[in-house]
Amino acid sequence: MLDTLTTRMARVVKTLRGKARLTEANTQEMLREVRLALLEADVALPVVREFIAKVKEKALGEEVLSSLSPGQALVGVVQRELTAIIGGDYEGKAVELNLAVTPPAIILMAGLQGAGKTTTSGKLAKLLREKHKKKVLTVSVDVHRPAAIQQLKTVTEQVGADFFPSEPDQKPADIARAVVDWAKRHFHDVLIVDTAGRLGIDETMMKEIAELHGILKPAETLFVVDAMLGQDAMNTAKAFSDALPLTGVVLTKLDGDSRGGAALSVRYVTGKPITFVGVAEKLDGLEVFHPDRMANRILGMGDILALFEEAQKGVDGAAAQKLADKVKKGGDFDLNDFRAQLSQMKKMGGLSSLMDKLPAQFQQAAAGADMGVAEKQMRRMEGIINSMTLLERAKPDLIKAQRKRRIAAGAGVQVQEVNRMLNQYEQMRGMMKKLKGGNLQKMMRGMKGIMPGMR
C-alpha cells in the first residue's frame, strides 16, 4: 500500500534527520522532494499545493526555530500536516459511525459500479456484528443488476447478518420503504442499503440515489471509491458530494495501489472524513481509518498500534502464553508449535499485511523479499506438517528418509520440500531459544533465513 509515496517520503525524512541546522535552502529542497513524491503518488495538484504551503509556513515558524533538533521538528511538521490533510478537522483521529439514533440506524452506500460497494456492505455488516454486537440487515436496491442482489445475499449470509430480498421488477423507492418497515418490526439495529452504480456518473443514477436518500433519511451516507482510480477518484468524489450530503468515505482496494493518492485527494474534495479502508478481498478486510497512523505509514514510521490490534484479533492469547511458558521452562519447540505459528500468521493477515505496518527500518530487514512466494510456501509447509503423524510432529528427530517419502506423498510434494520445511523449522526452533527477551530486531534478522525470498 502507498509504496511509491512511502519510499520517497522515507528518503526525505532520512535526509532531514541528518541535518544539524534547518535553513530556508534545505527546507526548500525538502519541500521540492515532498512535492514530487506527492505528485508521483497521483495526489491531486490542489491538495499538493495546499499541503506544501502549510508545511512551509509552519517549518519557517517558531515551532521549528525554537527546537533543539530542527530536522526532527520538521519531520514532525510534515507528519502533522499530512495527518491534517488526510483527516481534516478531526484531529487526526478515527471517525466513528453515528449509530446513536432511533433504530434502525440506516447506512446508505453510494458509488460507481465496480468500486466495491456490495463487498464493502458485507464487510461492514461483519464488522458491526462482531465488534459492535449489532443486529444487521442488508438490502440491495440495485434493480438494474440482478447479479448485484444475489452477490449481496451471498456475502450477507457469509457474515451471518440478515438479508432483505428484492426483485429486479421492483422500484428502488418501494424497496426502501418496505425494508425500513421490516427492519423496525424485526428490531434490527442497523440497516445497510446497497445502491445502484454505473460505470460513469449520469443524471439518472444521481436522481435515483437522491430520491432514496430523501426516503431513507440515513444516519450515514458513505461514498465508496476505488483507490486505484487516482485522479479520477477526485472527479467522482466531487460529483457525489454535490448530489448527496455525504457523511464519510470508504476507500477500497487500497492494498492494490502502490501510489495511493486518492487517500489524500478524496477527503480534500468531499470535506468528509475517510471512515474505512478496504485492504483485502476477504470479508474481514475492512479497517477503521486512522489519519495519524496513515501519515506515520506514509512517512515510513509504521503503524505499530495497528500491528498490535491485528495481533490481539488474530492471536490465541492462551496458546501464545502456553508456548511462551513452554520455551521459558526449556521445553522443546516442536512441529505442532511451528504449525500453530504459521496458522496465527495467516490470521493476522499474512506476511504482506504485517510488513506494511512495520517501520521502515524493520521493512529493510526483509528487503527484496517476495511476500507472495513466502505466503505460498507457508501454506505448503502447513500441508506437509498435516501429513505427519502425531508422534512425528511431537518428535521431529524421528523423521528419517522413509518417513520423509511417506510425508511427501501425502502432501503431494517432493521430498526436497519436506527437507526444506524441516530446515526452516530447525531455524525457527533455534530462533525461539534466542527470543526469550522478545527482541523484534533479532526476530526480523532471523526471518531472513526462514521465509523464502528473503535475502
Protein backbone atom coordinates (compact mmCIF):
# COMPACT_ATOMS: atom_id res chain seq x y z
CA MET A 1 0.00 0.00 0.00
CA LEU A 2 1.24 3.52 -0.89
CA ASP A 3 4.66 2.08 -1.74
CA THR A 4 5.76 4.89 -4.08
CA LEU A 5 4.84 7.69 -1.69
CA THR A 6 6.23 5.90 1.35
CA THR A 7 9.58 5.21 -0.34
CA ARG A 8 10.05 8.83 -1.42
CA MET A 9 8.90 10.30 1.88
CA ALA A 10 11.07 7.94 3.92
CA ARG A 11 14.08 9.07 1.89
CA VAL A 12 13.27 12.72 2.60
CA VAL A 13 12.81 12.01 6.31
CA LYS A 14 16.14 10.19 6.47
CA THR A 15 17.92 13.13 4.82
CA LEU A 16 16.37 15.62 7.22
CA ARG A 17 17.31 13.68 10.31
CA GLY A 18 20.95 14.20 9.46
CA LYS A 19 20.63 18.00 9.44
CA ALA A 20 22.24 19.86 12.30
CA ARG A 21 20.54 23.14 11.34
CA LEU A 22 17.43 23.98 9.41
CA THR A 23 17.81 26.67 6.76
CA GLU A 24 15.48 28.12 4.15
CA ALA A 25 17.61 26.45 1.48
CA ASN A 26 17.36 22.89 2.79
CA THR A 27 13.70 23.46 3.67
CA GLN A 28 13.04 24.37 0.03
CA GLU A 29 14.99 21.30 -1.09
CA MET A 30 12.94 19.09 1.18
CA LEU A 31 9.64 20.62 0.06
CA ARG A 32 10.58 20.02 -3.57
CA GLU A 33 11.14 16.33 -2.83
CA VAL A 34 7.88 16.10 -0.90
CA ARG A 35 6.02 17.79 -3.79
CA LEU A 36 7.47 15.32 -6.31
CA ALA A 37 6.63 12.40 -4.03
CA LEU A 38 3.00 13.52 -3.75
CA LEU A 39 2.60 14.15 -7.48
CA GLU A 40 4.14 10.76 -8.31
CA ALA A 41 1.64 9.18 -5.94
CA ASP A 42 -1.19 10.70 -8.01
CA VAL A 43 -2.25 13.20 -5.37
CA ALA A 44 -4.37 15.98 -6.91
CA LEU A 45 -2.45 19.20 -7.62
CA PRO A 46 -4.68 21.47 -5.43
CA VAL A 47 -4.05 19.13 -2.49
CA VAL A 48 -0.30 19.19 -3.10
CA ARG A 49 -0.23 22.98 -3.28
CA GLU A 50 -2.16 23.42 -0.03
CA PHE A 51 -0.03 20.84 1.78
CA ILE A 52 3.29 22.36 0.67
CA ALA A 53 2.13 25.87 1.57
CA LYS A 54 1.12 24.80 5.07
CA VAL A 55 4.32 22.86 5.72
CA LYS A 56 6.44 25.79 4.53
CA GLU A 57 4.53 28.22 6.75
CA LYS A 58 4.93 26.03 9.84
CA ALA A 59 8.50 24.98 9.03
CA LEU A 60 9.75 28.55 8.96
CA GLY A 61 7.76 29.45 12.06
CA GLU A 62 8.65 29.49 15.71
CA GLU A 63 7.84 25.83 16.41
CA VAL A 64 10.83 24.73 14.32
CA LEU A 65 13.19 27.61 15.07
CA SER A 66 12.85 27.03 18.80
CA SER A 67 13.56 23.33 18.51
CA LEU A 68 16.80 21.76 19.65
CA SER A 69 16.58 19.28 16.79
CA PRO A 70 15.49 21.15 13.63
CA GLY A 71 15.48 18.14 11.34
CA GLN A 72 13.27 16.12 13.67
CA ALA A 73 10.98 19.08 14.24
CA LEU A 74 10.49 19.49 10.50
CA VAL A 75 9.61 15.80 10.22
CA GLY A 76 7.05 16.47 12.94
CA VAL A 77 5.56 19.36 10.95
CA VAL A 78 5.27 17.15 7.86
CA GLN A 79 3.62 14.40 9.90
CA ARG A 80 1.09 16.78 11.49
CA GLU A 81 0.18 18.48 8.22
CA LEU A 82 -0.08 15.14 6.43
CA THR A 83 -2.44 13.97 9.18
CA ALA A 84 -4.47 17.19 8.80
CA ILE A 85 -4.76 16.89 5.01
CA ILE A 86 -5.92 13.26 5.32
CA GLY A 87 -8.09 13.74 8.39
CA GLY A 88 -9.39 17.29 8.03
CA ASP A 89 -10.82 18.85 11.18
CA TYR A 90 -10.95 15.59 13.10
CA GLU A 91 -7.60 16.00 14.89
CA GLY A 92 -6.11 13.01 13.14
CA LYS A 93 -8.34 10.51 14.94
CA ALA A 94 -10.62 7.83 13.56
CA VAL A 95 -14.23 8.91 13.00
CA GLU A 96 -16.86 6.50 14.28
CA LEU A 97 -20.19 5.88 12.58
CA ASN A 98 -23.18 7.67 14.05
CA LEU A 99 -25.30 4.76 15.27
CA ALA A 100 -26.84 6.59 18.24
CA VAL A 101 -30.20 7.11 16.54
CA THR A 102 -33.64 5.52 16.78
CA PRO A 103 -33.22 2.02 15.30
CA PRO A 104 -32.59 1.09 12.68
CA ALA A 105 -29.55 3.27 12.01
CA ILE A 106 -29.56 3.41 8.20
CA ILE A 107 -26.28 3.39 6.27
CA LEU A 108 -26.59 4.32 2.58
CA MET A 109 -23.74 3.06 0.38
CA ALA A 110 -23.08 5.20 -2.72
CA GLY A 111 -20.51 4.95 -5.51
CA LEU A 112 -19.77 3.86 -9.04
CA GLN A 113 -20.20 0.32 -10.33
CA GLY A 114 -17.09 -1.71 -9.59
CA ALA A 115 -16.00 0.47 -6.65
CA GLY A 116 -16.72 -2.38 -4.25
CA LYS A 117 -20.00 -1.21 -2.65
CA THR A 118 -21.54 -4.66 -2.36
CA THR A 119 -18.47 -6.36 -0.89
CA THR A 120 -17.93 -3.39 1.42
CA SER A 121 -21.56 -3.67 2.59
CA GLY A 122 -20.86 -7.27 3.59
CA LYS A 123 -17.58 -6.34 5.28
CA LEU A 124 -19.29 -3.53 7.18
CA ALA A 125 -22.08 -5.87 8.29
CA LYS A 126 -19.46 -8.27 9.63
CA LEU A 127 -17.60 -5.50 11.48
CA LEU A 128 -20.80 -4.12 13.05
CA ARG A 129 -21.94 -7.59 14.12
CA GLU A 130 -18.65 -8.72 15.60
CA LYS A 131 -17.16 -5.52 17.00
CA HIS A 132 -20.29 -3.57 17.94
CA LYS A 133 -22.63 -6.54 18.55
CA LYS A 134 -25.35 -5.08 16.31
CA LYS A 135 -28.22 -6.91 14.65
CA VAL A 136 -27.65 -6.00 11.00
CA LEU A 137 -29.97 -6.16 7.98
CA THR A 138 -28.79 -5.58 4.39
CA VAL A 139 -30.76 -4.84 1.23
CA SER A 140 -29.89 -4.16 -2.41
CA VAL A 141 -31.87 -1.55 -4.35
CA ASP A 142 -29.74 -2.15 -7.45
CA VAL A 143 -32.64 -3.37 -9.63
CA HIS A 144 -30.56 -2.72 -12.75
CA ARG A 145 -28.23 -5.65 -11.98
CA PRO A 146 -29.88 -8.80 -10.60
CA ALA A 147 -26.40 -10.23 -10.01
CA ALA A 148 -25.75 -7.45 -7.51
CA ILE A 149 -28.76 -8.54 -5.44
CA GLN A 150 -27.55 -12.15 -5.41
CA GLN A 151 -23.99 -11.06 -4.55
CA LEU A 152 -25.18 -9.07 -1.54
CA LYS A 153 -27.31 -12.01 -0.40
CA THR A 154 -24.26 -14.30 -0.61
CA VAL A 155 -21.86 -12.04 1.32
CA THR A 156 -24.55 -11.25 3.91
CA GLU A 157 -25.09 -14.95 4.58
CA GLN A 158 -21.33 -15.48 4.84
CA VAL A 159 -21.00 -12.89 7.60
CA GLY A 160 -24.10 -14.06 9.48
CA ALA A 161 -26.24 -10.93 9.02
CA ASP A 162 -29.86 -10.78 7.82
CA PHE A 163 -30.81 -10.12 4.19
CA PHE A 164 -33.98 -8.47 2.87
CA PRO A 165 -34.86 -9.87 -0.59
CA SER A 166 -35.62 -7.56 -3.51
CA GLU A 167 -36.54 -8.18 -7.16
CA PRO A 168 -35.41 -6.54 -10.44
CA ASP A 169 -39.00 -5.60 -11.31
CA GLN A 170 -39.43 -3.53 -8.14
CA LYS A 171 -38.85 0.20 -7.85
CA PRO A 172 -35.95 1.24 -5.58
CA ALA A 173 -38.20 3.64 -3.68
CA ASP A 174 -40.71 0.84 -2.94
CA ILE A 175 -37.92 -1.47 -1.73
CA ALA A 176 -36.62 1.31 0.52
CA ARG A 177 -39.99 1.87 2.21
CA ALA A 178 -40.62 -1.86 2.65
CA VAL A 179 -37.20 -2.63 4.14
CA VAL A 180 -37.38 0.17 6.71
CA ASP A 181 -40.75 -1.15 7.89
CA TRP A 182 -39.34 -4.70 8.06
CA ALA A 183 -36.24 -3.58 9.97
CA LYS A 184 -38.37 -1.76 12.55
CA ARG A 185 -40.74 -4.69 13.05
CA HIS A 186 -37.87 -7.16 13.44
CA PHE A 187 -35.82 -4.95 15.78
CA HIS A 188 -32.69 -4.53 13.64
CA ASP A 189 -30.10 -2.11 14.98
CA VAL A 190 -28.54 -1.27 11.62
CA LEU A 191 -29.81 -1.32 8.02
CA ILE A 192 -27.19 -1.22 5.24
CA VAL A 193 -28.59 -0.17 1.84
CA ASP A 194 -26.51 -1.08 -1.22
CA THR A 195 -27.43 1.26 -4.09
CA ALA A 196 -27.07 1.03 -7.86
CA GLY A 197 -23.93 2.22 -9.59
CA ARG A 198 -22.92 2.99 -13.15
CA LEU A 199 -19.64 2.81 -15.00
CA GLY A 200 -19.71 6.60 -15.03
CA ILE A 201 -21.63 9.49 -13.50
CA ASP A 202 -25.08 10.02 -15.06
CA GLU A 203 -28.11 12.13 -14.22
CA THR A 204 -30.49 9.17 -13.81
CA MET A 205 -28.32 7.50 -11.18
CA MET A 206 -27.88 10.71 -9.21
CA LYS A 207 -31.61 11.42 -9.29
CA GLU A 208 -32.38 7.88 -8.10
CA ILE A 209 -29.96 7.94 -5.19
CA ALA A 210 -31.04 11.44 -4.15
CA GLU A 211 -34.66 10.19 -4.03
CA LEU A 212 -33.58 7.20 -1.93
CA HIS A 213 -31.76 9.50 0.46
CA GLY A 214 -34.92 11.55 0.92
CA ILE A 215 -36.98 8.45 1.70
CA LEU A 216 -34.48 6.71 3.98
CA LYS A 217 -33.04 9.76 5.77
CA PRO A 218 -29.89 7.73 6.60
CA ALA A 219 -27.75 8.28 9.67
CA GLU A 220 -24.68 7.71 7.46
CA THR A 221 -24.19 8.23 3.71
CA LEU A 222 -20.89 6.61 2.78
CA PHE A 223 -19.20 7.26 -0.55
CA VAL A 224 -17.36 4.12 -1.67
CA VAL A 225 -14.49 4.80 -4.08
CA ASP A 226 -11.81 2.68 -5.70
CA ALA A 227 -8.39 3.95 -4.54
CA MET A 228 -6.88 2.82 -7.84
CA LEU A 229 -8.87 5.44 -9.76
CA GLY A 230 -6.18 8.00 -8.95
CA GLN A 231 -7.07 11.45 -10.30
CA ASP A 232 -10.49 10.19 -11.49
CA ALA A 233 -11.39 9.47 -7.87
CA MET A 234 -11.36 13.22 -7.25
CA ASN A 235 -13.86 13.93 -10.05
CA THR A 236 -16.16 11.10 -8.93
CA ALA A 237 -15.98 12.28 -5.33
CA LYS A 238 -16.98 15.82 -6.33
CA ALA A 239 -19.99 14.60 -8.32
CA PHE A 240 -21.33 12.50 -5.44
CA SER A 241 -20.53 15.19 -2.89
CA ASP A 242 -22.55 17.72 -4.90
CA ALA A 243 -25.53 15.33 -5.21
CA LEU A 244 -25.62 13.90 -1.68
CA PRO A 245 -24.94 15.10 1.87
CA LEU A 246 -22.12 12.59 2.39
CA THR A 247 -21.01 11.79 5.92
CA GLY A 248 -17.94 9.70 5.15
CA VAL A 249 -15.76 7.97 2.59
CA VAL A 250 -14.71 4.34 2.22
CA LEU A 251 -11.56 3.73 0.17
CA THR A 252 -11.45 0.27 -1.38
CA LYS A 253 -8.59 -1.68 -2.95
CA LEU A 254 -6.02 0.41 -1.11
CA ASP A 255 -3.78 -2.66 -0.90
CA GLY A 256 -3.65 -2.81 -4.71
CA ASP A 257 -2.49 0.76 -5.28
CA SER A 258 1.22 1.49 -4.87
CA ARG A 259 0.60 5.24 -5.27
CA GLY A 260 -2.40 5.82 -3.02
CA GLY A 261 -3.00 9.46 -3.95
CA ALA A 262 -6.76 9.01 -3.62
CA ALA A 263 -6.35 8.68 0.15
CA LEU A 264 -5.22 12.29 0.28
CA SER A 265 -7.34 13.74 -2.54
CA VAL A 266 -10.83 12.40 -1.80
CA ARG A 267 -11.01 13.78 1.74
CA TYR A 268 -9.91 17.18 0.43
CA VAL A 269 -12.60 17.27 -2.27
CA THR A 270 -15.54 15.99 -0.22
CA GLY A 271 -14.58 17.66 3.04
CA LYS A 272 -15.74 14.44 4.70
CA PRO A 273 -13.67 12.00 6.75
CA ILE A 274 -12.36 8.71 5.43
CA THR A 275 -14.07 6.27 7.79
CA PHE A 276 -12.89 2.89 6.48
CA VAL A 277 -10.37 1.42 4.05
CA GLY A 278 -10.67 -1.89 2.24
CA VAL A 279 -7.32 -3.67 2.40
CA ALA A 280 -8.11 -7.22 1.28
CA GLU A 281 -10.70 -9.18 -0.67
CA LYS A 282 -11.63 -11.28 2.36
CA LEU A 283 -14.71 -10.21 4.31
CA ASP A 284 -12.60 -9.21 7.31
CA GLY A 285 -10.52 -6.89 5.12
CA LEU A 286 -12.11 -3.63 6.28
CA GLU A 287 -10.14 -1.38 8.61
CA VAL A 288 -11.19 1.69 10.56
CA PHE A 289 -9.23 4.59 9.09
CA HIS A 290 -6.83 6.42 11.40
CA PRO A 291 -5.38 9.54 9.70
CA ASP A 292 -2.50 9.85 12.15
CA ARG A 293 -1.49 6.22 11.65
CA MET A 294 -1.75 6.53 7.88
CA ALA A 295 0.51 9.59 8.00
CA ASN A 296 3.05 7.59 10.02
CA ARG A 297 2.96 4.76 7.49
CA ILE A 298 3.42 7.15 4.57
CA LEU A 299 6.46 8.61 6.33
CA GLY A 300 7.91 5.15 6.90
CA MET A 301 7.24 5.23 10.63
CA GLY A 302 4.99 2.18 10.52
CA ASP A 303 1.74 1.51 12.36
CA ILE A 304 2.64 -0.45 15.46
CA LEU A 305 -0.80 0.15 17.00
CA ALA A 306 -2.48 -1.50 14.00
CA LEU A 307 0.00 -4.36 14.23
CA PHE A 308 -0.85 -4.78 17.91
CA GLU A 309 -4.59 -4.73 17.11
CA GLU A 310 -4.11 -7.36 14.41
CA ALA A 311 -2.22 -9.48 16.92
CA GLN A 312 -4.98 -9.11 19.50
CA LYS A 313 -7.62 -10.02 16.92
CA GLY A 314 -5.80 -12.95 15.34
CA VAL A 315 -3.66 -14.50 18.03
CA ASP A 316 -4.95 -17.04 20.51
CA GLY A 317 -3.74 -15.47 23.75
CA ALA A 318 -3.94 -18.69 25.76
CA ALA A 319 -1.99 -20.64 23.13
CA ALA A 320 0.64 -17.89 22.90
CA GLN A 321 1.09 -17.85 26.68
CA LYS A 322 1.32 -21.63 26.77
CA LEU A 323 4.09 -21.58 24.13
CA ALA A 324 5.93 -18.78 25.94
CA ASP A 325 5.83 -20.70 29.21
CA LYS A 326 6.99 -23.85 27.46
CA VAL A 327 10.01 -22.15 25.86
CA LYS A 328 10.83 -20.30 29.09
CA LYS A 329 10.93 -23.58 31.01
CA GLY A 330 13.29 -25.08 28.44
CA GLY A 331 10.66 -27.11 26.62
CA ASP A 332 11.34 -28.04 23.00
CA PHE A 333 9.67 -26.12 20.19
CA ASP A 334 8.08 -28.94 18.16
CA LEU A 335 6.28 -29.11 14.80
CA ASN A 336 2.89 -28.64 16.45
CA ASP A 337 4.16 -25.29 17.74
CA PHE A 338 5.61 -24.45 14.33
CA ARG A 339 2.28 -25.17 12.61
CA ALA A 340 0.44 -23.08 15.20
CA GLN A 341 2.75 -20.14 14.45
CA LEU A 342 2.06 -20.45 10.72
CA SER A 343 -1.67 -20.52 11.42
CA GLN A 344 -1.51 -17.43 13.66
CA MET A 345 0.45 -15.58 10.96
CA LYS A 346 -2.37 -16.23 8.49
CA LYS A 347 -4.97 -14.99 10.97
CA MET A 348 -3.04 -11.73 11.30
CA GLY A 349 -3.35 -11.06 7.56
CA GLY A 350 -0.21 -12.77 6.31
CA LEU A 351 3.34 -11.51 5.89
CA SER A 352 2.45 -8.69 3.48
CA SER A 353 -0.02 -7.17 5.93
CA LEU A 354 2.44 -7.39 8.83
CA MET A 355 5.35 -5.91 6.89
CA ASP A 356 3.22 -2.98 5.74
CA LYS A 357 2.65 -1.94 9.36
CA LEU A 358 6.27 -2.15 10.47
CA PRO A 359 8.54 0.93 10.49
CA ALA A 360 10.85 1.37 7.50
CA GLN A 361 13.97 0.15 9.33
CA PHE A 362 12.33 -3.20 10.01
CA GLN A 363 10.97 -3.44 6.48
CA GLN A 364 14.54 -3.00 5.24
CA ALA A 365 15.49 -6.16 7.14
CA ALA A 366 13.29 -8.04 4.70
CA ALA A 367 14.28 -6.02 1.63
CA GLY A 368 13.99 -7.97 -1.59
CA ALA A 369 11.57 -10.50 -0.15
CA ASP A 370 8.77 -11.78 -2.33
CA MET A 371 5.91 -11.93 0.16
CA GLY A 372 3.64 -13.76 -2.29
CA VAL A 373 6.17 -16.58 -2.61
CA ALA A 374 6.70 -16.60 1.17
CA GLU A 375 2.99 -16.91 1.91
CA LYS A 376 2.59 -19.71 -0.67
CA GLN A 377 5.48 -21.54 0.96
CA MET A 378 3.87 -21.09 4.38
CA ARG A 379 0.71 -22.82 3.15
CA ARG A 380 2.83 -25.64 1.68
CA MET A 381 4.69 -26.10 4.97
CA GLU A 382 1.38 -26.33 6.81
CA GLY A 383 0.25 -29.03 4.38
CA ILE A 384 3.44 -31.02 4.94
CA ILE A 385 3.03 -30.92 8.72
CA ASN A 386 -0.60 -32.02 8.36
CA SER A 387 0.65 -35.14 6.54
CA MET A 388 2.66 -36.23 9.57
CA THR A 389 1.59 -38.49 12.43
CA LEU A 390 1.06 -37.04 15.92
CA LEU A 391 4.29 -38.71 17.05
CA GLU A 392 6.29 -37.18 14.18
CA ARG A 393 5.01 -33.70 14.96
CA ALA A 394 5.91 -34.09 18.63
CA LYS A 395 9.32 -35.68 17.92
CA PRO A 396 10.67 -34.33 14.60
CA ASP A 397 14.02 -36.08 15.12
CA LEU A 398 12.26 -39.38 14.26
CA ILE A 399 11.68 -38.19 10.68
CA LYS A 400 14.22 -40.05 8.52
CA ALA A 401 14.28 -40.98 4.82
CA GLN A 402 11.41 -43.49 4.77
CA ARG A 403 9.10 -41.24 6.78
CA LYS A 404 10.01 -38.26 4.58
CA ARG A 405 8.96 -40.16 1.45
CA ARG A 406 5.60 -41.05 3.03
CA ILE A 407 5.02 -37.47 4.23
CA ALA A 408 5.92 -36.04 0.81
CA ALA A 409 3.47 -38.39 -0.93
CA GLY A 410 0.73 -37.46 1.50
CA ALA A 411 1.28 -33.73 1.00
CA GLY A 412 1.69 -34.01 -2.77
CA VAL A 413 5.21 -32.54 -2.79
CA GLN A 414 8.77 -33.68 -3.47
CA VAL A 415 10.97 -35.00 -0.65
CA GLN A 416 13.15 -31.90 -1.13
CA GLU A 417 10.20 -29.77 0.01
CA VAL A 418 9.95 -31.81 3.21
CA ASN A 419 13.67 -31.32 3.81
CA ARG A 420 13.34 -27.58 3.20
CA MET A 421 10.44 -27.33 5.65
CA LEU A 422 12.38 -29.24 8.31
CA ASN A 423 15.39 -26.95 7.82
CA GLN A 424 13.17 -23.88 8.26
CA TYR A 425 11.63 -25.45 11.34
CA GLU A 426 15.12 -26.03 12.80
CA GLN A 427 15.98 -22.38 12.20
CA MET A 428 12.76 -21.29 13.90
CA ARG A 429 13.47 -23.62 16.83
CA GLY A 430 16.91 -22.06 17.19
CA MET A 431 15.45 -18.57 16.94
CA MET A 432 12.83 -19.29 19.62
CA LYS A 433 15.62 -20.01 22.08
CA LYS A 434 17.12 -16.57 21.35
CA LEU A 435 13.82 -14.70 21.55
CA LYS A 436 13.05 -15.06 25.23
CA GLY A 437 13.50 -11.28 25.52
CA GLY A 438 11.13 -10.61 22.61
CA ASN A 439 13.71 -8.62 20.59
CA LEU A 440 11.98 -7.50 17.37
CA GLN A 441 15.21 -6.78 15.50
CA LYS A 442 16.53 -10.27 16.25
CA MET A 443 13.25 -11.69 15.01
CA MET A 444 13.46 -9.78 11.72
CA ARG A 445 17.04 -10.91 11.16
CA GLY A 446 16.01 -14.47 11.91
CA MET A 447 13.09 -14.29 9.50
CA LYS A 448 15.54 -13.79 6.60
CA GLY A 449 16.69 -17.35 6.86
CA ILE A 450 13.26 -18.82 7.44
CA MET A 451 10.95 -17.32 4.83
CA PRO A 452 11.57 -17.86 1.09
CA GLY A 453 12.62 -14.86 -0.95
CA MET A 454 14.32 -13.06 1.97
CA ARG A 455 17.95 -12.15 1.44
